[in-house]
Amino acid sequence: MLHSLHDTTVLMQAIGQTARDAARVLAVAPTDQKNLALTAAAGALRAETPHILKANARDLEAAHASGRPASFIDRLKLDAKRIDAIAASLDEIAALPDPVGRTLAHWTRPNGLDITRIAVPLGVIGIIYESRPNVTADAGGLALKAGNAAILRGGSESHQSSQAILDCLAHGLKAADLPAACIQLVPTTDRAAVGLMLTGLDGNLDVIVPRGGKSLVERVQNEARVPVFAHLEGICHTYVDCGADLDMAIPIVLNAKLRRTGVCGSTETLLVDRNAHEDYLTPLVKALLDAGCEVRGDAATAQCDPRVLAATPDDYGHEFLDAIIAVKTVDGVDDAIAHIATYGSQHTDCIITECGGTAARFLSRVDSAIVLHNASTQFADGGEFGMGAEIGIATGKMHARGPVGVEQLTTFKYIVRGNGQIRPV
């Protein structure tokens, strides 16, 4: 355990330098070597499941003792099924095409210069996260496949679980004869380590990815001196149009809200076309209430069921991360689009309708990283997009947007080949 800022500074400087050295090795590592590290790590995760569960049980016990909410506990908890899913994600990442070295563009200039734009790794990626121990494997695996070294700073609440998972990743690196510093977990829970990462570790960090609550993401976005891939909040909407199939809409809405309430792709506000509310609003609201979801609605919604609570203005645009949903009736698709523009976070929004023209209008005019038609917002996930996993969801518009997978963890450079050309004076 570290006891001073000086100790933490020295530690983090060393982690940054060894990560940079490892990144240089990874940048030119062949595909087969990276894939071996990933598959060996997946095998270790499956073999070490009992050990990981014991570590997670200690984290869970501490979280319960400190009074953490149910949504936090859900993100922290591991079971055999979840560990197998983490291992499967590493196998899926290994099966993806190698993003490094891809030819992105190629052309020849009139003077004979041959120019190629190719994908290259970003370098060293810092991931700061809280209660999700699966991020240890997802972030480490994605960074590795894209040729990047990763510095992981998990929350103190998940430290033992994350360390047990990192041990499996280290096994994979050793099996592939890659440096252990390719994936490092900051070994201290000292909060000063986060501040040092945000300064860039003496130029050794190339990008920061925060995964956690609003306060963490706000701090990273405000203080980071390196680029950040992040979303501040997941204020996701599902809009049920008058042209929707109600039999389709009800299970989509229930899944979008309740499958896992603590994930950023969970629907927080349900919008229902006022032109159809007599036919659609009551069954939708009743289905949510009967499933154990608290409904906070406008006047029209309150008339559907006495269990509905009156919504306040703050309920729209609020990320509940719980079995609570705000419901509002709107005057058609344009009103829904306007509501999302006002209250949304440009994360994920959905329209349910059988009208192709209405769907096209919504999909083109809602300015979110992910827009869906007739599908649950909980598909906002890199694994569900076929990326194997994701390092996070980005709602910014520079470089990466939506699920951040292996392709988004690369940049590019130009290779120019000549045969003696010089530039005229």
Foldseek 3Di string as FASTA:
>chain_A
DDDDPVVLLVLLLVLLVVQLVLLVVLQPDDLVLLLQLLLQLLVLLLVCVVVLQVLLVVLLVVCVVVPHDPLLSVQQDDDNVNSNLLSQLSNLLSPDDQQFFDFPDWDADPVGKTKTKTWTFLEEEEEEEERHLSLLSQVLSQCSSLSYAYEYEYAPSNVSSNVSSLVSSLSSCVVSVGDSSSYHYSPDNPPVNVLCVLAPSVVSHAEYEYYYALVVVVCSVVRHPHHYFYFNALAEEEEEFLQFDLVLVQVQLCCLAPVQLQDSLRHAEYEYAPVCCVPRLLVNLVSLVVVPAAEAEDPSNCVSDVSHHHDDPVSQLDRPSDSYHYYYYANGLVRVLVSCVVRPRLAEYEYGHPDPVSRVVNVVRRNHLYYYYSHHSVCQFCVSVSLSGASHAGGDDPQDHGGHGNNSSIDIDMDIDDDDDDDDD
